[in-house]
Amino acid sequence: VHCSQAVLTDDQGPLLIRNYDLDPKLNESTLLST
């Protein structure tokens, strides 16, 4: 999988941010909480 990601900290603590780069047909497009 291709991606870019970074961490930047401010007064709310760290932010972890990332891009998920690929063909949309290959993504399951599901946020799962367990």
Full PDB file with SEQRES, HELIX, SHEET, SSBOND, CRYST1, ORIGX, SCALE, CONECT and MASTER records, all heavy atoms in Angstrom:
SEQRES   1 A   34  VAL HIS CYS SER GLN ALA VAL LEU THR ASP ASP GLN GLY          
SEQRES   2 A   34  PRO LEU LEU ILE ARG ASN TYR ASP LEU ASP PRO LYS LEU          
SEQRES   3 A   34  ASN GLU SER THR LEU LEU SER THR                              
HELIX    1 AA1 PRO A   24  LEU A   26  5                                   3    
SHEET    1 AA1 2 HIS A   2  ASP A  10  0                                        
SHEET    2 AA1 2 GLY A  13  ASP A  21 -1                                        
CRYST1    1.000    1.000    1.000  90.00  90.00  90.00 P 1           1          
ORIGX1      1.000000  0.000000  0.000000        0.00000                         
ORIGX2      0.000000  1.000000  0.000000        0.00000                         
ORIGX3      0.000000  0.000000  1.000000        0.00000                         
SCALE1      1.000000  0.000000  0.000000        0.00000                         
SCALE2      0.000000  1.000000  0.000000        0.00000                         
SCALE3      0.000000  0.000000  1.000000        0.00000                         
ATOM      1  N   VAL A   1       0.862  -1.174   0.000  1.00  0.00           N  
ATOM      2  CA  VAL A   1       0.000   0.000   0.000  1.00  0.00           C  
ATOM      3  C   VAL A   1       0.900   1.226   0.000  1.00  0.00           C  
ATOM      4  O   VAL A   1       1.936   1.248   0.654  1.00  0.00           O  
ATOM      5  CB  VAL A   1      -0.939   0.062   1.229  1.00  0.00           C  
ATOM      6  CG1 VAL A   1      -2.024  -0.984   1.120  1.00  0.00           C  
ATOM      7  CG2 VAL A   1      -0.161  -0.108   2.530  1.00  0.00           C  
ATOM      8  N   HIS A   2       0.534   2.231  -0.773  1.00  0.00           N  
ATOM      9  CA  HIS A   2       1.261   3.492  -0.744  1.00  0.00           C  
ATOM     10  C   HIS A   2       0.655   4.379   0.322  1.00  0.00           C  
ATOM     11  O   HIS A   2      -0.506   4.227   0.662  1.00  0.00           O  
ATOM     12  CB  HIS A   2       1.164   4.193  -2.101  1.00  0.00           C  
ATOM     13  CG  HIS A   2       1.606   3.338  -3.237  1.00  0.00           C  
ATOM     14  ND1 HIS A   2       0.725   2.665  -4.042  1.00  0.00           N  
ATOM     15  CD2 HIS A   2       2.848   3.035  -3.687  1.00  0.00           C  
ATOM     16  CE1 HIS A   2       1.399   1.983  -4.959  1.00  0.00           C  
ATOM     17  NE2 HIS A   2       2.684   2.189  -4.756  1.00  0.00           N  
ATOM     18  N   CYS A   3       1.431   5.309   0.852  1.00  0.00           N  
ATOM     19  CA  CYS A   3       0.893   6.224   1.847  1.00  0.00           C  
ATOM     20  C   CYS A   3       1.943   7.276   2.192  1.00  0.00           C  
ATOM     21  O   CYS A   3       3.129   7.090   1.945  1.00  0.00           O  
ATOM     22  CB  CYS A   3       0.508   5.511   3.156  1.00  0.00           C  
ATOM     23  SG  CYS A   3      -0.723   4.202   2.952  1.00  0.00           S  
ATOM     24  N   SER A   4       1.481   8.376   2.775  1.00  0.00           N  
ATOM     25  CA  SER A   4       2.335   9.349   3.466  1.00  0.00           C  
ATOM     26  C   SER A   4       1.767   9.496   4.868  1.00  0.00           C  
ATOM     27  O   SER A   4       0.550   9.396   5.071  1.00  0.00           O  
ATOM     28  CB  SER A   4       2.304  10.709   2.769  1.00  0.00           C  
ATOM     29  OG  SER A   4       2.663  10.624   1.408  1.00  0.00           O  
ATOM     30  N   GLN A   5       2.630   9.737   5.860  1.00  0.00           N  
ATOM     31  CA  GLN A   5       2.121   9.945   7.204  1.00  0.00           C  
ATOM     32  C   GLN A   5       3.076  10.843   7.981  1.00  0.00           C  
ATOM     33  O   GLN A   5       4.264  10.950   7.662  1.00  0.00           O  
ATOM     34  CB  GLN A   5       1.905   8.627   7.944  1.00  0.00           C  
ATOM     35  CG  GLN A   5       3.135   7.759   8.087  1.00  0.00           C  
ATOM     36  CD  GLN A   5       2.785   6.331   8.456  1.00  0.00           C  
ATOM     37  OE1 GLN A   5       1.694   5.836   8.166  1.00  0.00           O  
ATOM     38  NE2 GLN A   5       3.708   5.635   9.081  1.00  0.00           N  
ATOM     39  N   ALA A   6       2.549  11.516   8.997  1.00  0.00           N  
ATOM     40  CA  ALA A   6       3.348  12.466   9.765  1.00  0.00           C  
ATOM     41  C   ALA A   6       2.746  12.647  11.149  1.00  0.00           C  
ATOM     42  O   ALA A   6       1.568  12.354  11.380  1.00  0.00           O  
ATOM     43  CB  ALA A   6       3.425  13.812   9.040  1.00  0.00           C  
ATOM     44  N   VAL A   7       3.562  13.151  12.074  1.00  0.00           N  
ATOM     45  CA  VAL A   7       3.136  13.482  13.435  1.00  0.00           C  
ATOM     46  C   VAL A   7       3.521  14.924  13.720  1.00  0.00           C  
ATOM     47  O   VAL A   7       4.664  15.328  13.488  1.00  0.00           O  
ATOM     48  CB  VAL A   7       3.792  12.560  14.479  1.00  0.00           C  
ATOM     49  CG1 VAL A   7       3.386  12.986  15.889  1.00  0.00           C  
ATOM     50  CG2 VAL A   7       3.422  11.111  14.242  1.00  0.00           C  
ATOM     51  N   LEU A   8       2.566  15.697  14.223  1.00  0.00           N  
ATOM     52  CA  LEU A   8       2.823  17.076  14.637  1.00  0.00           C  
ATOM     53  C   LEU A   8       2.113  17.298  15.965  1.00  0.00           C  
ATOM     54  O   LEU A   8       0.953  16.909  16.130  1.00  0.00           O  
ATOM     55  CB  LEU A   8       2.307  18.062  13.585  1.00  0.00           C  
ATOM     56  CG  LEU A   8       2.559  19.544  13.870  1.00  0.00           C  
ATOM     57  CD1 LEU A   8       4.059  19.841  13.903  1.00  0.00           C  
ATOM     58  CD2 LEU A   8       1.870  20.419  12.829  1.00  0.00           C  
ATOM     59  N   THR A   9       2.808  17.929  16.899  1.00  0.00           N  
ATOM     60  CA  THR A   9       2.267  18.142  18.238  1.00  0.00           C  
ATOM     61  C   THR A   9       1.890  19.603  18.449  1.00  0.00           C  
ATOM     62  O   THR A   9       2.629  20.508  18.054  1.00  0.00           O  
ATOM     63  CB  THR A   9       3.295  17.717  19.298  1.00  0.00           C  
ATOM     64  OG1 THR A   9       3.613  16.333  19.117  1.00  0.00           O  
ATOM     65  CG2 THR A   9       2.757  17.907  20.700  1.00  0.00           C  
ATOM     66  N   ASP A  10       0.727  19.817  19.059  1.00  0.00           N  
ATOM     67  CA  ASP A  10       0.311  21.155  19.464  1.00  0.00           C  
ATOM     68  C   ASP A  10      -0.228  21.084  20.887  1.00  0.00           C  
ATOM     69  O   ASP A  10       0.054  20.113  21.611  1.00  0.00           O  
ATOM     70  CB  ASP A  10      -0.706  21.744  18.475  1.00  0.00           C  
ATOM     71  CG  ASP A  10      -1.982  20.906  18.373  1.00  0.00           C  
ATOM     72  OD1 ASP A  10      -2.198  20.013  19.220  1.00  0.00           O  
ATOM     73  OD2 ASP A  10      -2.774  21.144  17.439  1.00  0.00           O  
ATOM     74  N   ASP A  11      -1.004  22.092  21.300  1.00  0.00           N  
ATOM     75  CA  ASP A  11      -1.467  22.107  22.684  1.00  0.00           C  
ATOM     76  C   ASP A  11      -2.492  21.019  22.987  1.00  0.00           C  
ATOM     77  O   ASP A  11      -2.869  20.808  24.144  1.00  0.00           O  
ATOM     78  CB  ASP A  11      -2.028  23.480  23.055  1.00  0.00           C  
ATOM     79  CG  ASP A  11      -3.169  23.927  22.150  1.00  0.00           C  
ATOM     80  OD1 ASP A  11      -3.565  23.142  21.252  1.00  0.00           O  
ATOM     81  OD2 ASP A  11      -3.656  25.057  22.328  1.00  0.00           O  
ATOM     82  N   GLN A  12      -2.960  20.307  21.954  1.00  0.00           N  
ATOM     83  CA  GLN A  12      -3.861  19.175  22.153  1.00  0.00           C  
ATOM     84  C   GLN A  12      -3.123  17.836  22.116  1.00  0.00           C  
ATOM     85  O   GLN A  12      -3.744  16.781  22.085  1.00  0.00           O  
ATOM     86  CB  GLN A  12      -4.951  19.185  21.084  1.00  0.00           C  
ATOM     87  CG  GLN A  12      -5.829  20.414  21.099  1.00  0.00           C  
ATOM     88  CD  GLN A  12      -6.862  20.383  19.983  1.00  0.00           C  
ATOM     89  OE1 GLN A  12      -7.634  19.426  19.856  1.00  0.00           O  
ATOM     90  NE2 GLN A  12      -6.893  21.417  19.166  1.00  0.00           N  
ATOM     91  N   GLY A  13      -1.795  17.897  22.103  1.00  0.00           N  
ATOM     92  CA  GLY A  13      -1.009  16.677  22.006  1.00  0.00           C  
ATOM     93  C   GLY A  13      -0.703  16.345  20.561  1.00  0.00           C  
ATOM     94  O   GLY A  13      -0.888  17.169  19.662  1.00  0.00           O  
ATOM     95  N   PRO A  14      -0.226  15.144  20.301  1.00  0.00           N  
ATOM     96  CA  PRO A  14       0.161  14.791  18.931  1.00  0.00           C  
ATOM     97  C   PRO A  14      -1.034  14.551  18.019  1.00  0.00           C  
ATOM     98  O   PRO A  14      -2.091  14.091  18.452  1.00  0.00           O  
ATOM     99  CB  PRO A  14       0.967  13.498  19.111  1.00  0.00           C  
ATOM    100  CG  PRO A  14       0.455  12.908  20.387  1.00  0.00           C  
ATOM    101  CD  PRO A  14       0.071  14.068  21.258  1.00  0.00           C  
ATOM    102  N   LEU A  15      -0.845  14.902  16.770  1.00  0.00           N  
ATOM    103  CA  LEU A  15      -1.762  14.537  15.685  1.00  0.00           C  
ATOM    104  C   LEU A  15      -1.014  13.570  14.780  1.00  0.00           C  
ATOM    105  O   LEU A  15       0.066  13.906  14.267  1.00  0.00           O  
ATOM    106  CB  LEU A  15      -2.173  15.767  14.887  1.00  0.00           C  
ATOM    107  CG  LEU A  15      -2.977  15.466  13.599  1.00  0.00           C  
ATOM    108  CD1 LEU A  15      -4.442  15.230  13.943  1.00  0.00           C  
ATOM    109  CD2 LEU A  15      -2.846  16.606  12.584  1.00  0.00           C  
ATOM    110  N   LEU A  16      -1.539  12.364  14.604  1.00  0.00           N  
ATOM    111  CA  LEU A  16      -1.004  11.412  13.625  1.00  0.00           C  
ATOM    112  C   LEU A  16      -1.916  11.457  12.413  1.00  0.00           C  
ATOM    113  O   LEU A  16      -3.112  11.162  12.515  1.00  0.00           O  
ATOM    114  CB  LEU A  16      -0.960   9.999  14.200  1.00  0.00           C  
ATOM    115  CG  LEU A  16      -0.605   8.863  13.226  1.00  0.00           C  
ATOM    116  CD1 LEU A  16       0.747   9.098  12.577  1.00  0.00           C  
ATOM    117  CD2 LEU A  16      -0.635   7.510  13.929  1.00  0.00           C  
ATOM    118  N   ILE A  17      -1.358  11.835  11.268  1.00  0.00           N  
ATOM    119  CA  ILE A  17      -2.157  11.974  10.061  1.00  0.00           C  
ATOM    120  C   ILE A  17      -1.551  11.140   8.953  1.00  0.00           C  
ATOM    121  O   ILE A  17      -0.321  11.026   8.851  1.00  0.00           O  
ATOM    122  CB  ILE A  17      -2.274  13.459   9.639  1.00  0.00           C  
ATOM    123  CG1 ILE A  17      -3.238  13.614   8.459  1.00  0.00           C  
ATOM    124  CG2 ILE A  17      -0.910  14.093   9.369  1.00  0.00           C  
ATOM    125  CD1 ILE A  17      -3.628  15.058   8.169  1.00  0.00           C  
ATOM    126  N   ARG A  18      -2.407  10.549   8.136  1.00  0.00           N  
ATOM    127  CA  ARG A  18      -1.893   9.735   7.030  1.00  0.00           C  
ATOM    128  C   ARG A  18      -2.835   9.779   5.837  1.00  0.00           C  
ATOM    129  O   ARG A  18      -4.065   9.928   5.983  1.00  0.00           O  
ATOM    130  CB  ARG A  18      -1.707   8.293   7.476  1.00  0.00           C  
ATOM    131  CG  ARG A  18      -2.945   7.519   7.882  1.00  0.00           C  
ATOM    132  CD  ARG A  18      -3.673   6.877   6.716  1.00  0.00           C  
ATOM    133  NE  ARG A  18      -2.811   6.079   5.914  1.00  0.00           N  
ATOM    134  CZ  ARG A  18      -2.534   4.792   6.193  1.00  0.00           C  
ATOM    135  NH1 ARG A  18      -3.140   4.209   7.195  1.00  0.00           N  
ATOM    136  NH2 ARG A  18      -1.713   4.112   5.428  1.00  0.00           N  
ATOM    137  N   ASN A  19      -2.256   9.650   4.648  1.00  0.00           N  
ATOM    138  CA  ASN A  19      -3.008   9.424   3.413  1.00  0.00           C  
ATOM    139  C   ASN A  19      -2.914   7.958   3.048  1.00  0.00           C  
ATOM    140  O   ASN A  19      -1.828   7.369   3.092  1.00  0.00           O  
ATOM    141  CB  ASN A  19      -2.445  10.252   2.257  1.00  0.00           C  
ATOM    142  CG  ASN A  19      -2.928  11.679   2.265  1.00  0.00           C  
ATOM    143  OD1 ASN A  19      -3.770  12.048   3.073  1.00  0.00           O  
ATOM    144  ND2 ASN A  19      -2.395  12.501   1.377  1.00  0.00           N  
ATOM    145  N   TYR A  20      -4.034   7.381   2.644  1.00  0.00           N  
ATOM    146  CA  TYR A  20      -4.058   6.020   2.119  1.00  0.00           C  
ATOM    147  C   TYR A  20      -4.196   6.134   0.611  1.00  0.00           C  
ATOM    148  O   TYR A  20      -5.216   6.604   0.103  1.00  0.00           O  
ATOM    149  CB  TYR A  20      -5.233   5.239   2.715  1.00  0.00           C  
ATOM    150  CG  TYR A  20      -5.252   3.779   2.329  1.00  0.00           C  
ATOM    151  CD1 TYR A  20      -4.909   2.794   3.254  1.00  0.00           C  
ATOM    152  CD2 TYR A  20      -5.624   3.377   1.054  1.00  0.00           C  
ATOM    153  CE1 TYR A  20      -4.941   1.456   2.902  1.00  0.00           C  
ATOM    154  CE2 TYR A  20      -5.651   2.035   0.695  1.00  0.00           C  
ATOM    155  CZ  TYR A  20      -5.310   1.082   1.627  1.00  0.00           C  
ATOM    156  OH  TYR A  20      -5.331  -0.236   1.268  1.00  0.00           O  
ATOM    157  N   ASP A  21      -3.159   5.718  -0.104  1.00  0.00           N  
ATOM    158  CA  ASP A  21      -3.108   5.878  -1.561  1.00  0.00           C  
ATOM    159  C   ASP A  21      -3.091   4.526  -2.253  1.00  0.00           C  
ATOM    160  O   ASP A  21      -2.176   3.725  -2.047  1.00  0.00           O  
ATOM    161  CB  ASP A  21      -1.844   6.648  -1.977  1.00  0.00           C  
ATOM    162  CG  ASP A  21      -1.815   8.063  -1.428  1.00  0.00           C  
ATOM    163  OD1 ASP A  21      -2.891   8.585  -1.089  1.00  0.00           O  
ATOM    164  OD2 ASP A  21      -0.716   8.640  -1.336  1.00  0.00           O  
ATOM    165  N   LEU A  22      -4.093   4.284  -3.089  1.00  0.00           N  
ATOM    166  CA  LEU A  22      -4.183   3.050  -3.854  1.00  0.00           C  
ATOM    167  C   LEU A  22      -5.351   3.194  -4.827  1.00  0.00           C  
ATOM    168  O   LEU A  22      -5.942   4.262  -4.948  1.00  0.00           O  
ATOM    169  CB  LEU A  22      -4.389   1.846  -2.920  1.00  0.00           C  
ATOM    170  CG  LEU A  22      -3.947   0.467  -3.441  1.00  0.00           C  
ATOM    171  CD1 LEU A  22      -2.458   0.428  -3.721  1.00  0.00           C  
ATOM    172  CD2 LEU A  22      -4.303  -0.626  -2.449  1.00  0.00           C  
ATOM    173  N   ASP A  23      -5.685   2.132  -5.505  1.00  0.00           N  
ATOM    174  CA  ASP A  23      -6.863   2.087  -6.365  1.00  0.00           C  
ATOM    175  C   ASP A  23      -8.105   1.966  -5.480  1.00  0.00           C  
ATOM    176  O   ASP A  23      -8.160   1.085  -4.612  1.00  0.00           O  
ATOM    177  CB  ASP A  23      -6.733   0.871  -7.292  1.00  0.00           C  
ATOM    178  CG  ASP A  23      -7.851   0.760  -8.314  1.00  0.00           C  
ATOM    179  OD1 ASP A  23      -8.945   1.297  -8.077  1.00  0.00           O  
ATOM    180  OD2 ASP A  23      -7.615   0.113  -9.349  1.00  0.00           O  
ATOM    181  N   PRO A  24      -9.118   2.822  -5.648  1.00  0.00           N  
ATOM    182  CA  PRO A  24     -10.308   2.701  -4.803  1.00  0.00           C  
ATOM    183  C   PRO A  24     -10.945   1.319  -4.823  1.00  0.00           C  
ATOM    184  O   PRO A  24     -11.553   0.902  -3.827  1.00  0.00           O  
ATOM    185  CB  PRO A  24     -11.258   3.762  -5.384  1.00  0.00           C  
ATOM    186  CG  PRO A  24     -10.349   4.787  -5.983  1.00  0.00           C  
ATOM    187  CD  PRO A  24      -9.191   4.006  -6.540  1.00  0.00           C  
ATOM    188  N   LYS A  25     -10.820   0.587  -5.934  1.00  0.00           N  
ATOM    189  CA  LYS A  25     -11.419  -0.748  -6.005  1.00  0.00           C  
ATOM    190  C   LYS A  25     -10.808  -1.699  -4.994  1.00  0.00           C  
ATOM    191  O   LYS A  25     -11.377  -2.752  -4.702  1.00  0.00           O  
ATOM    192  CB  LYS A  25     -11.264  -1.323  -7.418  1.00  0.00           C  
ATOM    193  CG  LYS A  25     -12.047  -0.598  -8.492  1.00  0.00           C  
ATOM    194  CD  LYS A  25     -12.049  -1.359  -9.806  1.00  0.00           C  
ATOM    195  CE  LYS A  25     -10.666  -1.493 -10.423  1.00  0.00           C  
ATOM    196  NZ  LYS A  25     -10.144  -0.190 -10.879  1.00  0.00           N  
ATOM    197  N   LEU A  26      -9.639  -1.339  -4.454  1.00  0.00           N  
ATOM    198  CA  LEU A  26      -8.929  -2.252  -3.562  1.00  0.00           C  
ATOM    199  C   LEU A  26      -9.028  -1.844  -2.105  1.00  0.00           C  
ATOM    200  O   LEU A  26      -8.278  -2.348  -1.272  1.00  0.00           O  
ATOM    201  CB  LEU A  26      -7.448  -2.333  -3.980  1.00  0.00           C  
ATOM    202  CG  LEU A  26      -7.204  -2.637  -5.461  1.00  0.00           C  
ATOM    203  CD1 LEU A  26      -5.717  -2.759  -5.739  1.00  0.00           C  
ATOM    204  CD2 LEU A  26      -7.921  -3.914  -5.875  1.00  0.00           C  
ATOM    205  N   ASN A  27      -9.948  -0.969  -1.778  1.00  0.00           N  
ATOM    206  CA  ASN A  27     -10.099  -0.530  -0.395  1.00  0.00           C  
ATOM    207  C   ASN A  27     -11.435  -0.992   0.167  1.00  0.00           C  
ATOM    208  O   ASN A  27     -12.459  -0.905  -0.503  1.00  0.00           O  
ATOM    209  CB  ASN A  27      -9.980   0.996  -0.308  1.00  0.00           C  
ATOM    210  CG  ASN A  27     -10.012   1.477   1.132  1.00  0.00           C  
ATOM    211  OD1 ASN A  27     -11.018   1.974   1.609  1.00  0.00           O  
ATOM    212  ND2 ASN A  27      -8.903   1.308   1.831  1.00  0.00           N  
ATOM    213  N   GLU A  28     -11.414  -1.444   1.398  1.00  0.00           N  
ATOM    214  CA  GLU A  28     -12.634  -1.975   2.012  1.00  0.00           C  
ATOM    215  C   GLU A  28     -13.538  -0.891   2.595  1.00  0.00           C  
ATOM    216  O   GLU A  28     -14.653  -1.193   3.016  1.00  0.00           O  
ATOM    217  CB  GLU A  28     -12.258  -3.013   3.073  1.00  0.00           C  
ATOM    218  CG  GLU A  28     -11.834  -4.318   2.436  1.00  0.00           C  
ATOM    219  CD  GLU A  28     -10.893  -5.141   3.302  1.00  0.00           C  
ATOM    220  OE1 GLU A  28      -9.684  -4.812   3.355  1.00  0.00           O  
ATOM    221  OE2 GLU A  28     -11.359  -6.113   3.926  1.00  0.00           O  
ATOM    222  N   SER A  29     -13.086   0.339   2.651  1.00  0.00           N  
ATOM    223  CA  SER A  29     -13.880   1.523   3.002  1.00  0.00           C  
ATOM    224  C   SER A  29     -14.753   1.301   4.236  1.00  0.00           C  
ATOM    225  O   SER A  29     -15.911   1.682   4.271  1.00  0.00           O  
ATOM    226  CB  SER A  29     -14.747   1.954   1.807  1.00  0.00           C  
ATOM    227  OG  SER A  29     -15.621   0.941   1.371  1.00  0.00           O  
ATOM    228  N   THR A  30     -14.141   0.698   5.265  1.00  0.00           N  
ATOM    229  CA  THR A  30     -14.876   0.381   6.486  1.00  0.00           C  
ATOM    230  C   THR A  30     -14.093   0.818   7.712  1.00  0.00           C  
ATOM    231  O   THR A  30     -12.934   0.440   7.891  1.00  0.00           O  
ATOM    232  CB  THR A  30     -15.142  -1.135   6.583  1.00  0.00           C  
ATOM    233  OG1 THR A  30     -15.917  -1.548   5.458  1.00  0.00           O  
ATOM    234  CG2 THR A  30     -15.897  -1.475   7.855  1.00  0.00           C  
ATOM    235  N   LEU A  31     -14.731   1.615   8.552  1.00  0.00           N  
ATOM    236  CA  LEU A  31     -14.208   1.946   9.873  1.00  0.00           C  
ATOM    237  C   LEU A  31     -14.861   0.986  10.860  1.00  0.00           C  
ATOM    238  O   LEU A  31     -16.083   0.960  10.989  1.00  0.00           O  
ATOM    239  CB  LEU A  31     -14.540   3.392  10.235  1.00  0.00           C  
ATOM    240  CG  LEU A  31     -14.300   3.803  11.692  1.00  0.00           C  
ATOM    241  CD1 LEU A  31     -12.839   3.668  12.060  1.00  0.00           C  
ATOM    242  CD2 LEU A  31     -14.785   5.225  11.927  1.00  0.00           C  
ATOM    243  N   LEU A  32     -14.034   0.202  11.536  1.00  0.00           N  
ATOM    244  CA  LEU A  32     -14.549  -0.822  12.440  1.00  0.00           C  
ATOM    245  C   LEU A  32     -14.084  -0.544  13.861  1.00  0.00           C  
ATOM    246  O   LEU A  32     -12.888  -0.398  14.123  1.00  0.00           O  
ATOM    247  CB  LEU A  32     -14.064  -2.204  11.994  1.00  0.00           C  
ATOM    248  CG  LEU A  32     -14.508  -3.402  12.841  1.00  0.00           C  
ATOM    249  CD1 LEU A  32     -16.024  -3.524  12.858  1.00  0.00           C  
ATOM    250  CD2 LEU A  32     -13.866  -4.685  12.314  1.00  0.00           C  
ATOM    251  N   SER A  33     -15.044  -0.461  14.784  1.00  0.00           N  
ATOM    252  CA  SER A  33     -14.754  -0.274  16.207  1.00  0.00           C  
ATOM    253  C   SER A  33     -15.101  -1.561  16.945  1.00  0.00           C  
ATOM    254  O   SER A  33     -16.216  -2.070  16.826  1.00  0.00           O  
ATOM    255  CB  SER A  33     -15.577   0.895  16.758  1.00  0.00           C  
ATOM    256  OG  SER A  33     -15.428   0.983  18.168  1.00  0.00           O  
ATOM    257  N   THR A  34     -14.140  -2.099  17.701  1.00  0.00           N  
ATOM    258  CA  THR A  34     -14.327  -3.395  18.347  1.00  0.00           C  
ATOM    259  C   THR A  34     -13.859  -3.352  19.796  1.00  0.00           C  
ATOM    260  O   THR A  34     -13.079  -2.496  20.208  1.00  0.00           O  
ATOM    261  CB  THR A  34     -13.522  -4.490  17.617  1.00  0.00           C  
ATOM    262  OG1 THR A  34     -12.122  -4.170  17.684  1.00  0.00           O  
ATOM    263  CG2 THR A  34     -13.950  -4.608  16.165  1.00  0.00           C  
TER     264      THR A  34                                                      
MASTER        0    0    0    1    2    0    0    6  263    1    0    3          
END                                                                             
